[in-house]
Amino acid sequence: MLLVGRGIVHSLQESLASHAHIHIAEGEAVRDATRHALRAIGMPYVEQDEKNTLATAATELGLSVERLDAQLKALKPDTAKSWTKEHRTIVAAAWLASVGR
């Protein structure tokens, strides 16, 4: 499972002129490199829109997004210093991938 964002909506030149857009461009570069590496070794992958991952998982589980997020918060590992929404989204994406969604 490869979580994807909305992508760069500007040219590279415009993206590099804005601090916020630099982070978007960096994320896209990492995802592109990951896609290339996965293709190179013949490993299949599915792209999941990061913004819809929790909603998709909640629907599959028959839960509200709020209920799913509460349950994911309860799964925080004891050793984790933080357990952000990004972490919980990754867990939901991994689960979706494991059930073939």
PDB file of N, CA and C in Angstrom:
ATOM      1  N   MET A   1       0.854  -1.163   0.000  1.00  0.00           N
ATOM      2  CA  MET A   1       0.000   0.000   0.000  1.00  0.00           C
ATOM      3  C   MET A   1       0.900   1.226   0.000  1.00  0.00           C
ATOM      4  N   LEU A   2       0.610   2.133  -0.902  1.00  0.00           N
ATOM      5  CA  LEU A   2       1.360   3.386  -0.995  1.00  0.00           C
ATOM      6  C   LEU A   2       0.367   4.521  -0.798  1.00  0.00           C
ATOM      7  N   LEU A   3       0.495   5.252   0.297  1.00  0.00           N
ATOM      8  CA  LEU A   3      -0.390   6.386   0.532  1.00  0.00           C
ATOM      9  C   LEU A   3       0.034   7.533  -0.357  1.00  0.00           C
ATOM     10  N   VAL A   4      -0.926   8.114  -1.047  1.00  0.00           N
ATOM     11  CA  VAL A   4      -0.613   9.209  -1.952  1.00  0.00           C
ATOM     12  C   VAL A   4      -1.431  10.431  -1.567  1.00  0.00           C
ATOM     13  N   GLY A   5      -0.853  11.582  -1.812  1.00  0.00           N
ATOM     14  CA  GLY A   5      -1.528  12.843  -1.547  1.00  0.00           C
ATOM     15  C   GLY A   5      -2.115  13.388  -2.824  1.00  0.00           C
ATOM     16  N   ARG A   6      -2.352  14.657  -2.812  1.00  0.00           N
ATOM     17  CA  ARG A   6      -2.976  15.314  -3.964  1.00  0.00           C
ATOM     18  C   ARG A   6      -1.960  15.679  -5.050  1.00  0.00           C
ATOM     19  N   GLY A   7      -0.678  15.585  -4.728  1.00  0.00           N
ATOM     20  CA  GLY A   7       0.339  15.865  -5.734  1.00  0.00           C
ATOM     21  C   GLY A   7       0.657  17.338  -5.869  1.00  0.00           C
ATOM     22  N   ILE A   8       1.604  17.611  -6.713  1.00  0.00           N
ATOM     23  CA  ILE A   8       2.035  18.985  -6.963  1.00  0.00           C
ATOM     24  C   ILE A   8       1.061  19.611  -7.952  1.00  0.00           C
ATOM     25  N   VAL A   9       0.521  20.747  -7.585  1.00  0.00           N
ATOM     26  CA  VAL A   9      -0.423  21.422  -8.471  1.00  0.00           C
ATOM     27  C   VAL A   9       0.235  22.589  -9.203  1.00  0.00           C
ATOM     28  N   HIS A  10       1.502  22.829  -8.908  1.00  0.00           N
ATOM     29  CA  HIS A  10       2.247  23.908  -9.544  1.00  0.00           C
ATOM     30  C   HIS A  10       3.450  23.309 -10.262  1.00  0.00           C
ATOM     31  N   SER A  11       4.127  24.148 -11.006  1.00  0.00           N
ATOM     32  CA  SER A  11       5.370  23.704 -11.626  1.00  0.00           C
ATOM     33  C   SER A  11       6.409  23.509 -10.529  1.00  0.00           C
ATOM     34  N   LEU A  12       7.457  22.775 -10.842  1.00  0.00           N
ATOM     35  CA  LEU A  12       8.523  22.568  -9.861  1.00  0.00           C
ATOM     36  C   LEU A  12       9.095  23.906  -9.411  1.00  0.00           C
ATOM     37  N   GLN A  13       9.291  24.828 -10.349  1.00  0.00           N
ATOM     38  CA  GLN A  13       9.844  26.157 -10.024  1.00  0.00           C
ATOM     39  C   GLN A  13       8.956  26.878  -9.005  1.00  0.00           C
ATOM     40  N   GLU A  14       7.628  26.858  -9.223  1.00  0.00           N
ATOM     41  CA  GLU A  14       6.706  27.511  -8.292  1.00  0.00           C
ATOM     42  C   GLU A  14       6.682  26.800  -6.941  1.00  0.00           C
ATOM     43  N   SER A  15       6.753  25.479  -6.977  1.00  0.00           N
ATOM     44  CA  SER A  15       6.740  24.713  -5.732  1.00  0.00           C
ATOM     45  C   SER A  15       7.956  25.025  -4.880  1.00  0.00           C
ATOM     46  N   LEU A  16       9.108  25.164  -5.508  1.00  0.00           N
ATOM     47  CA  LEU A  16      10.329  25.435  -4.769  1.00  0.00           C
ATOM     48  C   LEU A  16      10.376  26.865  -4.227  1.00  0.00           C
ATOM     49  N   ALA A  17       9.522  27.733  -4.756  1.00  0.00           N
ATOM     50  CA  ALA A  17       9.478  29.116  -4.281  1.00  0.00           C
ATOM     51  C   ALA A  17       8.648  29.256  -3.007  1.00  0.00           C
ATOM     52  N   SER A  18       7.914  28.229  -2.631  1.00  0.00           N
ATOM     53  CA  SER A  18       7.059  28.273  -1.444  1.00  0.00           C
ATOM     54  C   SER A  18       7.508  27.202  -0.458  1.00  0.00           C
ATOM     55  N   HIS A  19       7.732  27.604   0.785  1.00  0.00           N
ATOM     56  CA  HIS A  19       8.193  26.647   1.787  1.00  0.00           C
ATOM     57  C   HIS A  19       7.219  25.479   1.935  1.00  0.00           C
ATOM     58  N   ALA A  20       5.935  25.765   2.001  1.00  0.00           N
ATOM     59  CA  ALA A  20       4.936  24.694   2.158  1.00  0.00           C
ATOM     60  C   ALA A  20       4.957  23.752   0.960  1.00  0.00           C
ATOM     61  N   HIS A  21       5.115  24.302  -0.220  1.00  0.00           N
ATOM     62  CA  HIS A  21       5.110  23.472  -1.424  1.00  0.00           C
ATOM     63  C   HIS A  21       6.382  22.633  -1.552  1.00  0.00           C
ATOM     64  N   ILE A  22       7.458  23.068  -0.917  1.00  0.00           N
ATOM     65  CA  ILE A  22       8.688  22.268  -0.921  1.00  0.00           C
ATOM     66  C   ILE A  22       8.418  20.919  -0.269  1.00  0.00           C
ATOM     67  N   HIS A  23       7.656  20.917   0.815  1.00  0.00           N
ATOM     68  CA  HIS A  23       7.343  19.660   1.515  1.00  0.00           C
ATOM     69  C   HIS A  23       6.456  18.758   0.653  1.00  0.00           C
ATOM     70  N   ILE A  24       5.541  19.363  -0.081  1.00  0.00           N
ATOM     71  CA  ILE A  24       4.692  18.588  -0.993  1.00  0.00           C
ATOM     72  C   ILE A  24       5.562  17.960  -2.079  1.00  0.00           C
ATOM     73  N   ALA A  25       6.461  18.754  -2.652  1.00  0.00           N
ATOM     74  CA  ALA A  25       7.350  18.249  -3.705  1.00  0.00           C
ATOM     75  C   ALA A  25       8.242  17.134  -3.163  1.00  0.00           C
ATOM     76  N   GLU A  26       8.724  17.291  -1.946  1.00  0.00           N
ATOM     77  CA  GLU A  26       9.564  16.262  -1.335  1.00  0.00           C
ATOM     78  C   GLU A  26       8.780  14.957  -1.162  1.00  0.00           C
ATOM     79  N   GLY A  27       7.549  15.054  -0.689  1.00  0.00           N
ATOM     80  CA  GLY A  27       6.715  13.868  -0.531  1.00  0.00           C
ATOM     81  C   GLY A  27       6.463  13.172  -1.852  1.00  0.00           C
ATOM     82  N   GLU A  28       6.202  13.954  -2.893  1.00  0.00           N
ATOM     83  CA  GLU A  28       5.980  13.380  -4.222  1.00  0.00           C
ATOM     84  C   GLU A  28       7.243  12.689  -4.742  1.00  0.00           C
ATOM     85  N   ALA A  29       8.403  13.297  -4.484  1.00  0.00           N
ATOM     86  CA  ALA A  29       9.665  12.686  -4.925  1.00  0.00           C
ATOM     87  C   ALA A  29       9.893  11.345  -4.231  1.00  0.00           C
ATOM     88  N   VAL A  30       9.597  11.282  -2.933  1.00  0.00           N
ATOM     89  CA  VAL A  30       9.759  10.022  -2.192  1.00  0.00           C
ATOM     90  C   VAL A  30       8.794   8.972  -2.739  1.00  0.00           C
ATOM     91  N   ARG A  31       7.539   9.366  -2.981  1.00  0.00           N
ATOM     92  CA  ARG A  31       6.568   8.408  -3.521  1.00  0.00           C
ATOM     93  C   ARG A  31       6.975   7.934  -4.916  1.00  0.00           C
ATOM     94  N   ASP A  32       7.471   8.850  -5.749  1.00  0.00           N
ATOM     95  CA  ASP A  32       7.927   8.449  -7.087  1.00  0.00           C
ATOM     96  C   ASP A  32       9.093   7.468  -6.995  1.00  0.00           C
ATOM     97  N   ALA A  33      10.029   7.730  -6.094  1.00  0.00           N
ATOM     98  CA  ALA A  33      11.170   6.819  -5.915  1.00  0.00           C
ATOM     99  C   ALA A  33      10.699   5.460  -5.407  1.00  0.00           C
ATOM    100  N   THR A  34       9.728   5.472  -4.515  1.00  0.00           N
ATOM    101  CA  THR A  34       9.190   4.214  -3.987  1.00  0.00           C
ATOM    102  C   THR A  34       8.495   3.426  -5.099  1.00  0.00           C
ATOM    103  N   ARG A  35       7.676   4.106  -5.912  1.00  0.00           N
ATOM    104  CA  ARG A  35       7.027   3.434  -7.051  1.00  0.00           C
ATOM    105  C   ARG A  35       8.069   2.802  -7.967  1.00  0.00           C
ATOM    106  N   HIS A  36       9.096   3.572  -8.288  1.00  0.00           N
ATOM    107  CA  HIS A  36      10.148   3.085  -9.182  1.00  0.00           C
ATOM    108  C   HIS A  36      10.821   1.848  -8.586  1.00  0.00           C
ATOM    109  N   ALA A  37      11.147   1.906  -7.306  1.00  0.00           N
ATOM    110  CA  ALA A  37      11.816   0.772  -6.649  1.00  0.00           C
ATOM    111  C   ALA A  37      10.909  -0.459  -6.624  1.00  0.00           C
ATOM    112  N   LEU A  38       9.647  -0.273  -6.311  1.00  0.00           N
ATOM    113  CA  LEU A  38       8.719  -1.414  -6.271  1.00  0.00           C
ATOM    114  C   LEU A  38       8.559  -2.045  -7.659  1.00  0.00           C
ATOM    115  N   ARG A  39       8.437  -1.199  -8.684  1.00  0.00           N
ATOM    116  CA  ARG A  39       8.348  -1.723 -10.063  1.00  0.00           C
ATOM    117  C   ARG A  39       9.625  -2.461 -10.446  1.00  0.00           C
ATOM    118  N   ALA A  40      10.763  -1.914 -10.047  1.00  0.00           N
ATOM    119  CA  ALA A  40      12.053  -2.513 -10.422  1.00  0.00           C
ATOM    120  C   ALA A  40      12.221  -3.917  -9.859  1.00  0.00           C
ATOM    121  N   ILE A  41      11.653  -4.173  -8.686  1.00  0.00           N
ATOM    122  CA  ILE A  41      11.780  -5.513  -8.100  1.00  0.00           C
ATOM    123  C   ILE A  41      10.533  -6.365  -8.350  1.00  0.00           C
ATOM    124  N   GLY A  42       9.601  -5.815  -9.118  1.00  0.00           N
ATOM    125  CA  GLY A  42       8.407  -6.577  -9.470  1.00  0.00           C
ATOM    126  C   GLY A  42       7.418  -6.766  -8.340  1.00  0.00           C
ATOM    127  N   MET A  43       7.445  -5.881  -7.359  1.00  0.00           N
ATOM    128  CA  MET A  43       6.527  -6.013  -6.224  1.00  0.00           C
ATOM    129  C   MET A  43       5.247  -5.222  -6.504  1.00  0.00           C
ATOM    130  N   PRO A  44       4.109  -5.887  -6.441  1.00  0.00           N
ATOM    131  CA  PRO A  44       2.852  -5.165  -6.673  1.00  0.00           C
ATOM    132  C   PRO A  44       2.540  -4.223  -5.515  1.00  0.00           C
ATOM    133  N   TYR A  45       1.834  -3.164  -5.818  1.00  0.00           N
ATOM    134  CA  TYR A  45       1.409  -2.227  -4.782  1.00  0.00           C
ATOM    135  C   TYR A  45       0.097  -1.585  -5.202  1.00  0.00           C
ATOM    136  N   VAL A  46      -0.608  -1.064  -4.235  1.00  0.00           N
ATOM    137  CA  VAL A  46      -1.863  -0.368  -4.476  1.00  0.00           C
ATOM    138  C   VAL A  46      -1.716   1.027  -3.895  1.00  0.00           C
ATOM    139  N   GLU A  47      -2.187   2.014  -4.619  1.00  0.00           N
ATOM    140  CA  GLU A  47      -2.141   3.378  -4.113  1.00  0.00           C
ATOM    141  C   GLU A  47      -3.467   3.705  -3.452  1.00  0.00           C
ATOM    142  N   GLN A  48      -3.390   4.287  -2.278  1.00  0.00           N
ATOM    143  CA  GLN A  48      -4.576   4.680  -1.509  1.00  0.00           C
ATOM    144  C   GLN A  48      -4.473   6.167  -1.216  1.00  0.00           C
ATOM    145  N   ASP A  49      -5.518   6.913  -1.545  1.00  0.00           N
ATOM    146  CA  ASP A  49      -5.536   8.344  -1.256  1.00  0.00           C
ATOM    147  C   ASP A  49      -5.521   8.551   0.256  1.00  0.00           C
ATOM    148  N   GLU A  50      -4.490   9.189   0.710  1.00  0.00           N
ATOM    149  CA  GLU A  50      -4.276   9.391   2.144  1.00  0.00           C
ATOM    150  C   GLU A  50      -5.456  10.109   2.810  1.00  0.00           C
ATOM    151  N   LYS A  51      -6.076  11.042   2.111  1.00  0.00           N
ATOM    152  CA  LYS A  51      -7.176  11.822   2.687  1.00  0.00           C
ATOM    153  C   LYS A  51      -8.422  10.976   2.934  1.00  0.00           C
ATOM    154  N   ASN A  52      -8.589   9.875   2.184  1.00  0.00           N
ATOM    155  CA  ASN A  52      -9.782   9.046   2.306  1.00  0.00           C
ATOM    156  C   ASN A  52      -9.548   7.731   3.034  1.00  0.00           C
ATOM    157  N   THR A  53      -8.345   7.482   3.495  1.00  0.00           N
ATOM    158  CA  THR A  53      -8.010   6.178   4.072  1.00  0.00           C
ATOM    159  C   THR A  53      -8.849   5.847   5.298  1.00  0.00           C
ATOM    160  N   LEU A  54      -8.952   6.764   6.250  1.00  0.00           N
ATOM    161  CA  LEU A  54      -9.736   6.480   7.455  1.00  0.00           C
ATOM    162  C   LEU A  54     -11.209   6.279   7.105  1.00  0.00           C
ATOM    163  N   ALA A  55     -11.749   7.088   6.197  1.00  0.00           N
ATOM    164  CA  ALA A  55     -13.151   6.943   5.806  1.00  0.00           C
ATOM    165  C   ALA A  55     -13.385   5.614   5.101  1.00  0.00           C
ATOM    166  N   THR A  56     -12.464   5.218   4.238  1.00  0.00           N
ATOM    167  CA  THR A  56     -12.588   3.938   3.533  1.00  0.00           C
ATOM    168  C   THR A  56     -12.549   2.781   4.520  1.00  0.00           C
ATOM    169  N   ALA A  57     -11.599   2.816   5.448  1.00  0.00           N
ATOM    170  CA  ALA A  57     -11.491   1.747   6.451  1.00  0.00           C
ATOM    171  C   ALA A  57     -12.729   1.719   7.347  1.00  0.00           C
ATOM    172  N   ALA A  58     -13.214   2.883   7.729  1.00  0.00           N
ATOM    173  CA  ALA A  58     -14.406   2.949   8.579  1.00  0.00           C
ATOM    174  C   ALA A  58     -15.604   2.338   7.867  1.00  0.00           C
ATOM    175  N   THR A  59     -15.771   2.659   6.603  1.00  0.00           N
ATOM    176  CA  THR A  59     -16.872   2.096   5.824  1.00  0.00           C
ATOM    177  C   THR A  59     -16.760   0.581   5.747  1.00  0.00           C
ATOM    178  N   GLU A  60     -15.559   0.092   5.466  1.00  0.00           N
ATOM    179  CA  GLU A  60     -15.339  -1.355   5.372  1.00  0.00           C
ATOM    180  C   GLU A  60     -15.650  -2.062   6.687  1.00  0.00           C
ATOM    181  N   LEU A  61     -15.393  -1.386   7.798  1.00  0.00           N
ATOM    182  CA  LEU A  61     -15.620  -1.973   9.116  1.00  0.00           C
ATOM    183  C   LEU A  61     -17.015  -1.683   9.679  1.00  0.00           C
ATOM    184  N   GLY A  62     -17.782  -0.867   8.960  1.00  0.00           N
ATOM    185  CA  GLY A  62     -19.116  -0.520   9.436  1.00  0.00           C
ATOM    186  C   GLY A  62     -19.096   0.405  10.646  1.00  0.00           C
ATOM    187  N   LEU A  63     -18.082   1.270  10.706  1.00  0.00           N
ATOM    188  CA  LEU A  63     -17.922   2.206  11.822  1.00  0.00           C
ATOM    189  C   LEU A  63     -17.947   3.637  11.315  1.00  0.00           C
ATOM    190  N   SER A  64     -18.191   4.567  12.220  1.00  0.00           N
ATOM    191  CA  SER A  64     -17.994   5.973  11.863  1.00  0.00           C
ATOM    192  C   SER A  64     -16.493   6.244  11.882  1.00  0.00           C
ATOM    193  N   VAL A  65     -16.085   7.275  11.195  1.00  0.00           N
ATOM    194  CA  VAL A  65     -14.667   7.656  11.201  1.00  0.00           C
ATOM    195  C   VAL A  65     -14.225   7.986  12.622  1.00  0.00           C
ATOM    196  N   GLU A  66     -15.095   8.646  13.371  1.00  0.00           N
ATOM    197  CA  GLU A  66     -14.758   9.024  14.739  1.00  0.00           C
ATOM    198  C   GLU A  66     -14.543   7.783  15.611  1.00  0.00           C
ATOM    199  N   ARG A  67     -15.409   6.786  15.463  1.00  0.00           N
ATOM    200  CA  ARG A  67     -15.291   5.552  16.256  1.00  0.00           C
ATOM    201  C   ARG A  67     -14.015   4.801  15.881  1.00  0.00           C
ATOM    202  N   LEU A  68     -13.743   4.700  14.571  1.00  0.00           N
ATOM    203  CA  LEU A  68     -12.519   4.023  14.134  1.00  0.00           C
ATOM    204  C   LEU A  68     -11.296   4.741  14.676  1.00  0.00           C
ATOM    205  N   ASP A  69     -11.289   6.066  14.590  1.00  0.00           N
ATOM    206  CA  ASP A  69     -10.131   6.817  15.072  1.00  0.00           C
ATOM    207  C   ASP A  69      -9.950   6.620  16.571  1.00  0.00           C
ATOM    208  N   ALA A  70     -11.043   6.581  17.320  1.00  0.00           N
ATOM    209  CA  ALA A  70     -10.951   6.337  18.763  1.00  0.00           C
ATOM    210  C   ALA A  70     -10.351   4.958  19.040  1.00  0.00           C
ATOM    211  N   GLN A  71     -10.776   3.964  18.264  1.00  0.00           N
ATOM    212  CA  GLN A  71     -10.225   2.623  18.445  1.00  0.00           C
ATOM    213  C   GLN A  71      -8.743   2.578  18.074  1.00  0.00           C
ATOM    214  N   LEU A  72      -8.379   3.292  17.012  1.00  0.00           N
ATOM    215  CA  LEU A  72      -6.968   3.336  16.615  1.00  0.00           C
ATOM    216  C   LEU A  72      -6.127   4.063  17.673  1.00  0.00           C
ATOM    217  N   LYS A  73      -6.678   5.104  18.265  1.00  0.00           N
ATOM    218  CA  LYS A  73      -5.955   5.815  19.340  1.00  0.00           C
ATOM    219  C   LYS A  73      -5.664   4.875  20.497  1.00  0.00           C
ATOM    220  N   ALA A  74      -6.602   3.975  20.773  1.00  0.00           N
ATOM    221  CA  ALA A  74      -6.431   3.030  21.880  1.00  0.00           C
ATOM    222  C   ALA A  74      -5.338   2.001  21.589  1.00  0.00           C
ATOM    223  N   LEU A  75      -4.933   1.877  20.332  1.00  0.00           N
ATOM    224  CA  LEU A  75      -3.895   0.918  19.946  1.00  0.00           C
ATOM    225  C   LEU A  75      -2.483   1.483  20.068  1.00  0.00           C
ATOM    226  N   LYS A  76      -2.348   2.701  20.583  1.00  0.00           N
ATOM    227  CA  LYS A  76      -1.021   3.328  20.678  1.00  0.00           C
ATOM    228  C   LYS A  76      -0.054   2.403  21.416  1.00  0.00           C
ATOM    229  N   PRO A  77       1.049   2.081  20.759  1.00  0.00           N
ATOM    230  CA  PRO A  77       2.046   1.232  21.428  1.00  0.00           C
ATOM    231  C   PRO A  77       2.624   1.924  22.663  1.00  0.00           C
ATOM    232  N   ASP A  78       2.911   1.155  23.684  1.00  0.00           N
ATOM    233  CA  ASP A  78       3.477   1.709  24.912  1.00  0.00           C
ATOM    234  C   ASP A  78       4.801   2.417  24.664  1.00  0.00           C
ATOM    235  N   THR A  79       5.527   1.961  23.679  1.00  0.00           N
ATOM    236  CA  THR A  79       6.851   2.527  23.400  1.00  0.00           C
ATOM    237  C   THR A  79       6.801   3.763  22.503  1.00  0.00           C
ATOM    238  N   ALA A  80       5.628   4.078  21.963  1.00  0.00           N
ATOM    239  CA  ALA A  80       5.515   5.229  21.062  1.00  0.00           C
ATOM    240  C   ALA A  80       5.446   6.527  21.852  1.00  0.00           C
ATOM    241  N   LYS A  81       6.270   7.486  21.487  1.00  0.00           N
ATOM    242  CA  LYS A  81       6.222   8.795  22.139  1.00  0.00           C
ATOM    243  C   LYS A  81       5.011   9.579  21.643  1.00  0.00           C
ATOM    244  N   SER A  82       4.697   9.393  20.359  1.00  0.00           N
ATOM    245  CA  SER A  82       3.527  10.063  19.793  1.00  0.00           C
ATOM    246  C   SER A  82       2.719   9.042  18.991  1.00  0.00           C
ATOM    247  N   TRP A  83       1.485   9.363  18.755  1.00  0.00           N
ATOM    248  CA  TRP A  83       0.593   8.483  17.982  1.00  0.00           C
ATOM    249  C   TRP A  83      -0.339   9.412  17.228  1.00  0.00           C
ATOM    250  N   THR A  84       0.194  10.015  16.184  1.00  0.00           N
ATOM    251  CA  THR A  84      -0.509  11.056  15.445  1.00  0.00           C
ATOM    252  C   THR A  84      -1.543  10.466  14.493  1.00  0.00           C
ATOM    253  N   LYS A  85      -2.327  11.356  13.914  1.00  0.00           N
ATOM    254  CA  LYS A  85      -3.305  10.924  12.909  1.00  0.00           C
ATOM    255  C   LYS A  85      -2.585  10.248  11.740  1.00  0.00           C
ATOM    256  N   GLU A  86      -1.406  10.735  11.396  1.00  0.00           N
ATOM    257  CA  GLU A  86      -0.630  10.107  10.321  1.00  0.00           C
ATOM    258  C   GLU A  86      -0.304   8.651  10.664  1.00  0.00           C
ATOM    259  N   HIS A  87       0.088   8.392  11.889  1.00  0.00           N
ATOM    260  CA  HIS A  87       0.369   7.017  12.318  1.00  0.00           C
ATOM    261  C   HIS A  87      -0.880   6.150  12.216  1.00  0.00           C
ATOM    262  N   ARG A  88      -1.997   6.695  12.701  1.00  0.00           N
ATOM    263  CA  ARG A  88      -3.251   5.935  12.670  1.00  0.00           C
ATOM    264  C   ARG A  88      -3.706   5.683  11.238  1.00  0.00           C
ATOM    265  N   THR A  89      -3.485   6.635  10.348  1.00  0.00           N
ATOM    266  CA  THR A  89      -3.837   6.468   8.938  1.00  0.00           C
ATOM    267  C   THR A  89      -3.009   5.349   8.314  1.00  0.00           C
ATOM    268  N   ILE A  90      -1.742   5.275   8.670  1.00  0.00           N
ATOM    269  CA  ILE A  90      -0.874   4.213   8.158  1.00  0.00           C
ATOM    270  C   ILE A  90      -1.368   2.845   8.620  1.00  0.00           C
ATOM    271  N   VAL A  91      -1.802   2.759   9.873  1.00  0.00           N
ATOM    272  CA  VAL A  91      -2.344   1.496  10.380  1.00  0.00           C
ATOM    273  C   VAL A  91      -3.598   1.113   9.591  1.00  0.00           C
ATOM    274  N   ALA A  92      -4.477   2.086   9.346  1.00  0.00           N
ATOM    275  CA  ALA A  92      -5.694   1.818   8.575  1.00  0.00           C
ATOM    276  C   ALA A  92      -5.348   1.387   7.152  1.00  0.00           C
ATOM    277  N   ALA A  93      -4.354   2.024   6.545  1.00  0.00           N
ATOM    278  CA  ALA A  93      -3.935   1.657   5.188  1.00  0.00           C
ATOM    279  C   ALA A  93      -3.365   0.249   5.148  1.00  0.00           C
ATOM    280  N   ALA A  94      -2.580  -0.097   6.154  1.00  0.00           N
ATOM    281  CA  ALA A  94      -2.023  -1.454   6.219  1.00  0.00           C
ATOM    282  C   ALA A  94      -3.142  -2.488   6.343  1.00  0.00           C
ATOM    283  N   TRP A  95      -4.141  -2.167   7.156  1.00  0.00           N
ATOM    284  CA  TRP A  95      -5.259  -3.095   7.299  1.00  0.00           C
ATOM    285  C   TRP A  95      -6.003  -3.234   5.973  1.00  0.00           C
ATOM    286  N   LEU A  96      -6.276  -2.101   5.300  1.00  0.00           N
ATOM    287  CA  LEU A  96      -6.959  -2.165   3.997  1.00  0.00           C
ATOM    288  C   LEU A  96      -6.168  -3.011   3.012  1.00  0.00           C
ATOM    289  N   ALA A  97      -4.860  -2.856   3.002  1.00  0.00           N
ATOM    290  CA  ALA A  97      -4.027  -3.645   2.089  1.00  0.00           C
ATOM    291  C   ALA A  97      -4.114  -5.127   2.436  1.00  0.00           C
ATOM    292  N   SER A  98      -4.163  -5.436   3.726  1.00  0.00           N
ATOM    293  CA  SER A  98      -4.177  -6.838   4.145  1.00  0.00           C
ATOM    294  C   SER A  98      -5.484  -7.548   3.777  1.00  0.00           C
ATOM    295  N   VAL A  99      -6.559  -6.776   3.645  1.00  0.00           N
ATOM    296  CA  VAL A  99      -7.835  -7.374   3.268  1.00  0.00           C
ATOM    297  C   VAL A  99      -8.148  -7.180   1.788  1.00  0.00           C
ATOM    298  N   GLY A 100      -7.171  -6.661   1.065  1.00  0.00           N
ATOM    299  CA  GLY A 100      -7.294  -6.530  -0.382  1.00  0.00           C
ATOM    300  C   GLY A 100      -8.163  -5.378  -0.856  1.00  0.00           C
ATOM    301  N   ARG A 101      -8.192  -4.303  -0.098  1.00  0.00           N
ATOM    302  CA  ARG A 101      -9.007  -3.144  -0.510  1.00  0.00           C
ATOM    303  C   ARG A 101      -8.142  -2.088  -1.100  1.00  0.00           C
TER     304      ARG A 101
END
